[in-house]
Amino acid sequence: MSSMREHNDSVMDSLVPKFEISHGREVALGEASRWTLVHHIDRLVTDGVPVDCRIGERQVTPLMMAGKKASAKRLLELGADPNATDAHGHTALMWMFISLFRKAETISRVTLLLKFGADKKIIDNDGLTAFDHASKRDDTACMKLLAIEDVE
């Protein structure tokens, strides 16, 4: 199984430079983020690709596409805005519940985003917060992290 994983990692590693040519550097950064190829993330951002570039019709950022915590953490360390929104007003925090992330990883990613300043009060184009999206997935652990206390 390890050799299959190594093979897949090697294939994805070789595809990122091809994405740069065929789809553009922003798409390449998104794919490096999706496949947790941190060395490509570093290279592309160092070479001038904006860390918060917009990708595709939905205008997602590489942070929203991050496949694992390691790529999300690296993008945040490089200055990614955890409160950037896509074309539907979704933040990276909301993407944790919109996409199909496993619940086991979601709580650590939500914690990371909050640590880097993600605003849990942001409302998307449908009037929903990250808490509302977590509620749709019945993710009670994340709902506790995302609860907004009214302090007056």
N, C-alpha and C. Protein backbone atom coordinates (compact mmCIF):
# COMPACT_ATOMS: atom_id res chain seq x y z
N MET A 1 0.82 -1.18 0.00
CA MET A 1 0.00 0.00 0.00
C MET A 1 0.87 1.25 0.00
N SER A 2 1.94 1.23 0.75
CA SER A 2 2.85 2.36 0.80
C SER A 2 3.41 2.68 -0.59
N SER A 3 3.74 1.67 -1.37
CA SER A 3 4.29 1.92 -2.70
C SER A 3 3.25 2.56 -3.63
N MET A 4 1.96 2.21 -3.47
CA MET A 4 0.90 2.84 -4.26
C MET A 4 0.78 4.31 -3.89
N ARG A 5 0.83 4.59 -2.60
CA ARG A 5 0.75 5.99 -2.13
C ARG A 5 1.94 6.79 -2.65
N GLU A 6 3.13 6.21 -2.57
CA GLU A 6 4.33 6.87 -3.07
C GLU A 6 4.20 7.14 -4.56
N HIS A 7 3.67 6.17 -5.29
CA HIS A 7 3.46 6.34 -6.73
C HIS A 7 2.50 7.50 -7.00
N ASN A 8 1.37 7.53 -6.28
CA ASN A 8 0.38 8.60 -6.46
C ASN A 8 0.97 9.96 -6.13
N ASP A 9 1.74 10.03 -5.03
CA ASP A 9 2.38 11.29 -4.65
C ASP A 9 3.36 11.74 -5.74
N SER A 10 4.09 10.80 -6.29
CA SER A 10 5.05 11.11 -7.34
C SER A 10 4.34 11.63 -8.60
N VAL A 11 3.24 11.00 -8.94
CA VAL A 11 2.47 11.43 -10.12
C VAL A 11 1.94 12.85 -9.90
N MET A 12 1.34 13.11 -8.75
CA MET A 12 0.80 14.44 -8.47
C MET A 12 1.93 15.47 -8.45
N ASP A 13 3.07 15.09 -7.88
CA ASP A 13 4.21 16.00 -7.83
C ASP A 13 4.64 16.41 -9.23
N SER A 14 4.62 15.48 -10.15
CA SER A 14 5.03 15.79 -11.53
C SER A 14 3.95 16.55 -12.30
N LEU A 15 2.70 16.47 -11.86
CA LEU A 15 1.61 17.15 -12.57
C LEU A 15 1.54 18.65 -12.29
N VAL A 16 1.98 19.08 -11.13
CA VAL A 16 1.87 20.50 -10.79
C VAL A 16 2.58 21.39 -11.81
N PRO A 17 3.82 21.09 -12.20
CA PRO A 17 4.45 21.92 -13.24
C PRO A 17 3.69 21.88 -14.58
N LYS A 18 3.08 20.76 -14.87
CA LYS A 18 2.29 20.67 -16.11
C LYS A 18 1.03 21.53 -16.02
N PHE A 19 0.41 21.58 -14.82
CA PHE A 19 -0.75 22.46 -14.62
C PHE A 19 -0.35 23.92 -14.83
N GLU A 20 0.85 24.27 -14.42
CA GLU A 20 1.32 25.65 -14.61
C GLU A 20 1.26 26.03 -16.08
N ILE A 21 1.66 25.12 -16.94
CA ILE A 21 1.69 25.38 -18.38
C ILE A 21 0.29 25.30 -18.99
N SER A 22 -0.45 24.27 -18.65
CA SER A 22 -1.74 24.04 -19.31
C SER A 22 -2.91 24.84 -18.73
N HIS A 23 -2.88 25.13 -17.42
CA HIS A 23 -4.02 25.79 -16.78
C HIS A 23 -3.67 27.09 -16.06
N GLY A 24 -2.40 27.40 -15.96
CA GLY A 24 -1.98 28.62 -15.29
C GLY A 24 -1.43 28.36 -13.90
N ARG A 25 -0.67 29.33 -13.43
CA ARG A 25 0.03 29.18 -12.16
C ARG A 25 -0.92 29.17 -10.96
N GLU A 26 -2.05 29.90 -11.06
CA GLU A 26 -3.01 29.91 -9.96
C GLU A 26 -3.62 28.52 -9.77
N VAL A 27 -4.00 27.88 -10.88
CA VAL A 27 -4.56 26.52 -10.80
C VAL A 27 -3.50 25.57 -10.24
N ALA A 28 -2.25 25.74 -10.66
CA ALA A 28 -1.17 24.90 -10.15
C ALA A 28 -1.05 25.05 -8.62
N LEU A 29 -1.18 26.29 -8.13
CA LEU A 29 -1.12 26.49 -6.67
C LEU A 29 -2.31 25.81 -5.99
N GLY A 30 -3.47 25.91 -6.58
CA GLY A 30 -4.65 25.23 -6.02
C GLY A 30 -4.45 23.73 -5.96
N GLU A 31 -3.92 23.16 -7.03
CA GLU A 31 -3.69 21.71 -7.05
C GLU A 31 -2.58 21.30 -6.08
N ALA A 32 -1.54 22.11 -5.96
CA ALA A 32 -0.48 21.82 -4.97
C ALA A 32 -1.08 21.82 -3.57
N SER A 33 -2.01 22.74 -3.34
CA SER A 33 -2.69 22.81 -2.04
C SER A 33 -3.58 21.59 -1.83
N ARG A 34 -4.35 21.24 -2.86
CA ARG A 34 -5.26 20.09 -2.76
C ARG A 34 -4.49 18.80 -2.46
N TRP A 35 -3.32 18.64 -3.07
CA TRP A 35 -2.56 17.40 -2.92
C TRP A 35 -1.46 17.50 -1.85
N THR A 36 -1.46 18.59 -1.10
CA THR A 36 -0.52 18.81 0.00
C THR A 36 0.93 18.67 -0.45
N LEU A 37 1.24 19.37 -1.53
CA LEU A 37 2.60 19.40 -2.06
C LEU A 37 3.22 20.73 -1.62
N VAL A 38 3.63 20.76 -0.36
CA VAL A 38 4.06 22.00 0.29
C VAL A 38 5.25 22.63 -0.45
N HIS A 39 6.16 21.82 -0.96
CA HIS A 39 7.30 22.41 -1.67
C HIS A 39 6.85 23.17 -2.92
N HIS A 40 5.81 22.70 -3.58
CA HIS A 40 5.28 23.44 -4.73
C HIS A 40 4.54 24.70 -4.27
N ILE A 41 3.84 24.62 -3.15
CA ILE A 41 3.18 25.81 -2.60
C ILE A 41 4.24 26.88 -2.34
N ASP A 42 5.31 26.50 -1.66
CA ASP A 42 6.39 27.45 -1.35
C ASP A 42 6.99 28.03 -2.63
N ARG A 43 7.26 27.18 -3.59
CA ARG A 43 7.89 27.62 -4.84
C ARG A 43 6.99 28.60 -5.59
N LEU A 44 5.71 28.25 -5.72
CA LEU A 44 4.80 29.09 -6.50
C LEU A 44 4.57 30.45 -5.83
N VAL A 45 4.40 30.45 -4.52
CA VAL A 45 4.19 31.72 -3.81
C VAL A 45 5.46 32.56 -3.84
N THR A 46 6.62 31.92 -3.65
CA THR A 46 7.89 32.63 -3.73
C THR A 46 8.09 33.23 -5.12
N ASP A 47 7.61 32.53 -6.14
CA ASP A 47 7.74 33.01 -7.52
C ASP A 47 6.67 34.04 -7.91
N GLY A 48 5.83 34.44 -6.95
CA GLY A 48 4.91 35.53 -7.22
C GLY A 48 3.44 35.20 -7.40
N VAL A 49 3.05 33.94 -7.28
CA VAL A 49 1.62 33.62 -7.37
C VAL A 49 0.97 34.10 -6.07
N PRO A 50 -0.05 34.95 -6.16
CA PRO A 50 -0.69 35.44 -4.94
C PRO A 50 -1.27 34.29 -4.12
N VAL A 51 -0.99 34.29 -2.83
CA VAL A 51 -1.43 33.20 -1.95
C VAL A 51 -2.96 33.13 -1.89
N ASP A 52 -3.63 34.26 -2.15
CA ASP A 52 -5.10 34.29 -2.14
C ASP A 52 -5.68 34.41 -3.55
N CYS A 53 -4.95 33.89 -4.55
CA CYS A 53 -5.46 33.97 -5.92
C CYS A 53 -6.82 33.27 -6.02
N ARG A 54 -7.59 33.66 -7.01
CA ARG A 54 -8.93 33.09 -7.21
C ARG A 54 -8.87 32.08 -8.36
N ILE A 55 -9.57 30.96 -8.14
CA ILE A 55 -9.49 29.85 -9.09
C ILE A 55 -10.89 29.44 -9.51
N GLY A 56 -11.10 29.32 -10.82
CA GLY A 56 -12.35 28.79 -11.37
C GLY A 56 -13.54 29.72 -11.23
N GLU A 57 -14.68 29.23 -11.69
CA GLU A 57 -15.92 30.00 -11.65
C GLU A 57 -16.34 30.35 -10.23
N ARG A 58 -16.10 29.44 -9.30
CA ARG A 58 -16.49 29.70 -7.90
C ARG A 58 -15.55 30.66 -7.21
N GLN A 59 -14.41 30.96 -7.86
CA GLN A 59 -13.45 31.91 -7.31
C GLN A 59 -12.93 31.48 -5.93
N VAL A 60 -12.63 30.17 -5.81
CA VAL A 60 -12.08 29.65 -4.56
C VAL A 60 -10.61 30.05 -4.43
N THR A 61 -10.12 30.03 -3.21
CA THR A 61 -8.70 30.29 -2.96
C THR A 61 -7.99 28.96 -2.71
N PRO A 62 -6.66 28.95 -2.82
CA PRO A 62 -5.94 27.72 -2.49
C PRO A 62 -6.23 27.22 -1.08
N LEU A 63 -6.46 28.13 -0.13
CA LEU A 63 -6.79 27.71 1.23
C LEU A 63 -8.09 26.92 1.27
N MET A 64 -9.07 27.33 0.49
CA MET A 64 -10.34 26.60 0.42
C MET A 64 -10.16 25.22 -0.19
N MET A 65 -9.15 25.09 -1.06
CA MET A 65 -8.88 23.82 -1.74
C MET A 65 -7.95 22.90 -0.95
N ALA A 66 -7.37 23.40 0.12
CA ALA A 66 -6.35 22.64 0.85
C ALA A 66 -6.84 21.25 1.22
N GLY A 67 -6.10 20.24 0.79
CA GLY A 67 -6.50 18.86 1.01
C GLY A 67 -6.22 18.35 2.40
N LYS A 68 -5.19 18.87 3.03
CA LYS A 68 -4.84 18.42 4.38
C LYS A 68 -4.42 19.62 5.21
N LYS A 69 -4.36 19.40 6.49
CA LYS A 69 -4.01 20.46 7.42
C LYS A 69 -2.64 21.06 7.10
N ALA A 70 -1.69 20.24 6.67
CA ALA A 70 -0.34 20.74 6.40
C ALA A 70 -0.33 21.81 5.31
N SER A 71 -1.11 21.62 4.25
CA SER A 71 -1.13 22.65 3.22
C SER A 71 -1.89 23.88 3.69
N ALA A 72 -2.95 23.70 4.44
CA ALA A 72 -3.69 24.84 4.99
C ALA A 72 -2.78 25.65 5.91
N LYS A 73 -2.06 24.97 6.77
CA LYS A 73 -1.15 25.64 7.71
C LYS A 73 -0.08 26.43 6.96
N ARG A 74 0.49 25.81 5.94
CA ARG A 74 1.55 26.51 5.18
C ARG A 74 1.00 27.74 4.48
N LEU A 75 -0.18 27.63 3.88
CA LEU A 75 -0.78 28.78 3.20
C LEU A 75 -1.05 29.91 4.21
N LEU A 76 -1.55 29.56 5.38
CA LEU A 76 -1.80 30.56 6.42
C LEU A 76 -0.49 31.21 6.87
N GLU A 77 0.55 30.41 7.02
CA GLU A 77 1.86 30.95 7.40
C GLU A 77 2.39 31.90 6.33
N LEU A 78 2.04 31.65 5.09
CA LEU A 78 2.47 32.50 3.98
C LEU A 78 1.57 33.72 3.80
N GLY A 79 0.57 33.85 4.66
CA GLY A 79 -0.27 35.04 4.64
C GLY A 79 -1.65 34.88 4.03
N ALA A 80 -2.10 33.66 3.78
CA ALA A 80 -3.44 33.47 3.23
C ALA A 80 -4.48 34.07 4.17
N ASP A 81 -5.48 34.70 3.59
CA ASP A 81 -6.55 35.33 4.36
C ASP A 81 -7.61 34.29 4.69
N PRO A 82 -7.78 33.91 5.96
CA PRO A 82 -8.78 32.90 6.30
C PRO A 82 -10.21 33.40 6.11
N ASN A 83 -10.37 34.71 5.90
CA ASN A 83 -11.71 35.28 5.75
C ASN A 83 -12.05 35.67 4.31
N ALA A 84 -11.18 35.31 3.38
CA ALA A 84 -11.49 35.54 1.96
C ALA A 84 -12.73 34.72 1.61
N THR A 85 -13.54 35.25 0.71
CA THR A 85 -14.76 34.54 0.33
C THR A 85 -14.75 34.18 -1.14
N ASP A 86 -15.46 33.11 -1.48
CA ASP A 86 -15.60 32.70 -2.87
C ASP A 86 -16.80 33.44 -3.48
N ALA A 87 -17.20 33.06 -4.67
CA ALA A 87 -18.30 33.72 -5.37
C ALA A 87 -19.64 33.59 -4.65
N HIS A 88 -19.75 32.65 -3.72
CA HIS A 88 -20.99 32.43 -2.97
C HIS A 88 -20.89 32.96 -1.54
N GLY A 89 -19.80 33.65 -1.24
CA GLY A 89 -19.62 34.20 0.09
C GLY A 89 -19.10 33.21 1.11
N HIS A 90 -18.65 32.03 0.65
CA HIS A 90 -18.13 31.01 1.57
C HIS A 90 -16.66 31.29 1.90
N THR A 91 -16.33 31.12 3.17
CA THR A 91 -14.95 31.24 3.63
C THR A 91 -14.32 29.84 3.70
N ALA A 92 -13.03 29.80 3.97
CA ALA A 92 -12.35 28.50 4.16
C ALA A 92 -12.99 27.74 5.31
N LEU A 93 -13.42 28.46 6.35
CA LEU A 93 -14.09 27.83 7.49
C LEU A 93 -15.37 27.13 7.04
N MET A 94 -16.15 27.77 6.20
CA MET A 94 -17.38 27.17 5.68
C MET A 94 -17.08 25.98 4.77
N TRP A 95 -15.98 26.08 4.02
CA TRP A 95 -15.61 25.00 3.11
C TRP A 95 -15.32 23.69 3.85
N MET A 96 -14.98 23.78 5.12
CA MET A 96 -14.74 22.57 5.91
C MET A 96 -15.99 21.69 5.95
N PHE A 97 -17.16 22.30 5.81
CA PHE A 97 -18.42 21.56 5.92
C PHE A 97 -19.12 21.41 4.57
N ILE A 98 -18.81 22.29 3.63
CA ILE A 98 -19.41 22.21 2.29
C ILE A 98 -18.78 21.07 1.51
N SER A 99 -17.48 20.92 1.65
CA SER A 99 -16.78 19.84 0.95
C SER A 99 -16.87 18.56 1.78
N LEU A 100 -16.25 17.53 1.30
CA LEU A 100 -16.41 16.22 1.93
C LEU A 100 -15.27 15.83 2.85
N PHE A 101 -14.76 16.79 3.64
CA PHE A 101 -13.70 16.47 4.58
C PHE A 101 -14.20 15.50 5.62
N ARG A 102 -13.32 14.59 6.04
CA ARG A 102 -13.68 13.66 7.12
C ARG A 102 -13.80 14.44 8.42
N LYS A 103 -14.77 14.09 9.22
CA LYS A 103 -14.99 14.78 10.48
C LYS A 103 -13.75 14.73 11.37
N ALA A 104 -13.01 13.65 11.33
CA ALA A 104 -11.83 13.51 12.19
C ALA A 104 -10.81 14.61 11.91
N GLU A 105 -10.68 15.02 10.65
CA GLU A 105 -9.72 16.08 10.32
C GLU A 105 -10.35 17.46 10.43
N THR A 106 -11.64 17.55 10.31
CA THR A 106 -12.31 18.84 10.29
C THR A 106 -12.06 19.64 11.55
N ILE A 107 -12.15 19.03 12.71
CA ILE A 107 -11.99 19.79 13.96
C ILE A 107 -10.59 20.40 14.07
N SER A 108 -9.57 19.66 13.66
CA SER A 108 -8.22 20.23 13.74
C SER A 108 -8.04 21.36 12.74
N ARG A 109 -8.69 21.25 11.57
CA ARG A 109 -8.61 22.32 10.57
C ARG A 109 -9.38 23.55 11.03
N VAL A 110 -10.55 23.36 11.61
CA VAL A 110 -11.33 24.48 12.13
C VAL A 110 -10.54 25.20 13.22
N THR A 111 -9.92 24.43 14.12
CA THR A 111 -9.09 25.01 15.18
C THR A 111 -7.95 25.83 14.58
N LEU A 112 -7.30 25.29 13.56
CA LEU A 112 -6.21 25.99 12.88
C LEU A 112 -6.70 27.30 12.27
N LEU A 113 -7.80 27.25 11.55
CA LEU A 113 -8.34 28.47 10.92
C LEU A 113 -8.70 29.52 11.96
N LEU A 114 -9.31 29.10 13.06
CA LEU A 114 -9.66 30.04 14.13
C LEU A 114 -8.40 30.65 14.75
N LYS A 115 -7.36 29.83 14.92
CA LYS A 115 -6.09 30.32 15.47
C LYS A 115 -5.49 31.40 14.58
N PHE A 116 -5.69 31.28 13.27
CA PHE A 116 -5.15 32.25 12.32
C PHE A 116 -6.15 33.37 11.99
N GLY A 117 -7.18 33.50 12.82
CA GLY A 117 -8.07 34.65 12.70
C GLY A 117 -9.33 34.49 11.88
N ALA A 118 -9.73 33.26 11.58
CA ALA A 118 -10.98 33.07 10.84
C ALA A 118 -12.14 33.64 11.65
N ASP A 119 -12.99 34.40 10.97
CA ASP A 119 -14.12 35.05 11.61
C ASP A 119 -15.36 34.16 11.47
N LYS A 120 -15.80 33.60 12.60
CA LYS A 120 -16.94 32.69 12.56
C LYS A 120 -18.27 33.42 12.42
N LYS A 121 -18.25 34.74 12.43
CA LYS A 121 -19.49 35.52 12.29
C LYS A 121 -19.82 35.86 10.83
N ILE A 122 -18.92 35.58 9.90
CA ILE A 122 -19.18 35.91 8.49
C ILE A 122 -20.40 35.14 8.00
N ILE A 123 -21.22 35.83 7.24
CA ILE A 123 -22.46 35.25 6.70
C ILE A 123 -22.30 35.14 5.18
N ASP A 124 -22.62 33.95 4.63
CA ASP A 124 -22.51 33.75 3.18
C ASP A 124 -23.71 34.33 2.43
N ASN A 125 -23.71 34.18 1.12
CA ASN A 125 -24.78 34.75 0.28
C ASN A 125 -26.16 34.18 0.58
N ASP A 126 -26.21 33.03 1.25
CA ASP A 126 -27.50 32.43 1.62
C ASP A 126 -27.89 32.76 3.06
N GLY A 127 -27.12 33.61 3.71
CA GLY A 127 -27.43 34.01 5.08
C GLY A 127 -26.98 33.03 6.14
N LEU A 128 -26.01 32.15 5.79
CA LEU A 128 -25.55 31.12 6.72
C LEU A 128 -24.14 31.41 7.22
N THR A 129 -23.87 31.01 8.46
CA THR A 129 -22.53 31.11 9.04
C THR A 129 -21.86 29.74 8.98
N ALA A 130 -20.60 29.69 9.38
CA ALA A 130 -19.89 28.40 9.46
C ALA A 130 -20.62 27.46 10.43
N PHE A 131 -21.14 28.01 11.51
CA PHE A 131 -21.91 27.20 12.47
C PHE A 131 -23.09 26.53 11.76
N ASP A 132 -23.81 27.28 10.93
CA ASP A 132 -24.95 26.72 10.20
C ASP A 132 -24.52 25.58 9.28
N HIS A 133 -23.37 25.75 8.62
CA HIS A 133 -22.87 24.70 7.73
C HIS A 133 -22.45 23.47 8.54
N ALA A 134 -21.84 23.68 9.71
CA ALA A 134 -21.46 22.55 10.58
C ALA A 134 -22.71 21.83 11.07
N SER A 135 -23.76 22.59 11.35
CA SER A 135 -25.02 22.02 11.82
C SER A 135 -25.64 21.11 10.74
N LYS A 136 -25.55 21.51 9.49
CA LYS A 136 -26.08 20.69 8.38
C LYS A 136 -25.41 19.33 8.33
N ARG A 137 -24.14 19.27 8.75
CA ARG A 137 -23.39 18.00 8.77
C ARG A 137 -23.47 17.32 10.12
N ASP A 138 -24.22 17.91 11.04
CA ASP A 138 -24.37 17.37 12.39
C ASP A 138 -23.00 17.17 13.06
N ASP A 139 -22.13 18.14 12.86
CA ASP A 139 -20.78 18.09 13.43
C ASP A 139 -20.79 18.85 14.75
N THR A 140 -21.24 18.17 15.81
CA THR A 140 -21.44 18.83 17.10
C THR A 140 -20.13 19.34 17.71
N ALA A 141 -19.03 18.63 17.50
CA ALA A 141 -17.75 19.08 18.05
C ALA A 141 -17.37 20.43 17.45
N CYS A 142 -17.51 20.57 16.15
CA CYS A 142 -17.19 21.84 15.50
C CYS A 142 -18.23 22.91 15.83
N MET A 143 -19.47 22.50 16.00
CA MET A 143 -20.51 23.47 16.36
C MET A 143 -20.17 24.14 17.69
N LYS A 144 -19.59 23.39 18.62
CA LYS A 144 -19.19 23.96 19.91
C LYS A 144 -18.11 25.02 19.71
N LEU A 145 -17.15 24.73 18.81
CA LEU A 145 -16.09 25.71 18.53
C LEU A 145 -16.63 26.96 17.84
N LEU A 146 -17.66 26.78 17.04
CA LEU A 146 -18.18 27.86 16.20
C LEU A 146 -19.34 28.63 16.81
N ALA A 147 -19.81 28.21 17.97
CA ALA A 147 -20.92 28.90 18.62
C ALA A 147 -20.52 30.35 18.89
N ILE A 148 -21.42 31.24 18.62
CA ILE A 148 -21.17 32.67 18.81
C ILE A 148 -21.96 33.11 20.05
N GLU A 149 -21.21 33.51 21.06
CA GLU A 149 -21.87 33.99 22.28
C GLU A 149 -22.21 35.45 22.10
N ASP A 150 -23.42 35.82 22.49
CA ASP A 150 -23.81 37.22 22.48
C ASP A 150 -23.32 37.87 23.75
N VAL A 151 -22.33 38.72 23.62
CA VAL A 151 -21.80 39.44 24.77
C VAL A 151 -22.15 40.91 24.60
N GLU A 152 -22.87 41.42 25.55
CA GLU A 152 -23.30 42.82 25.44
C GLU A 152 -22.74 43.63 26.57
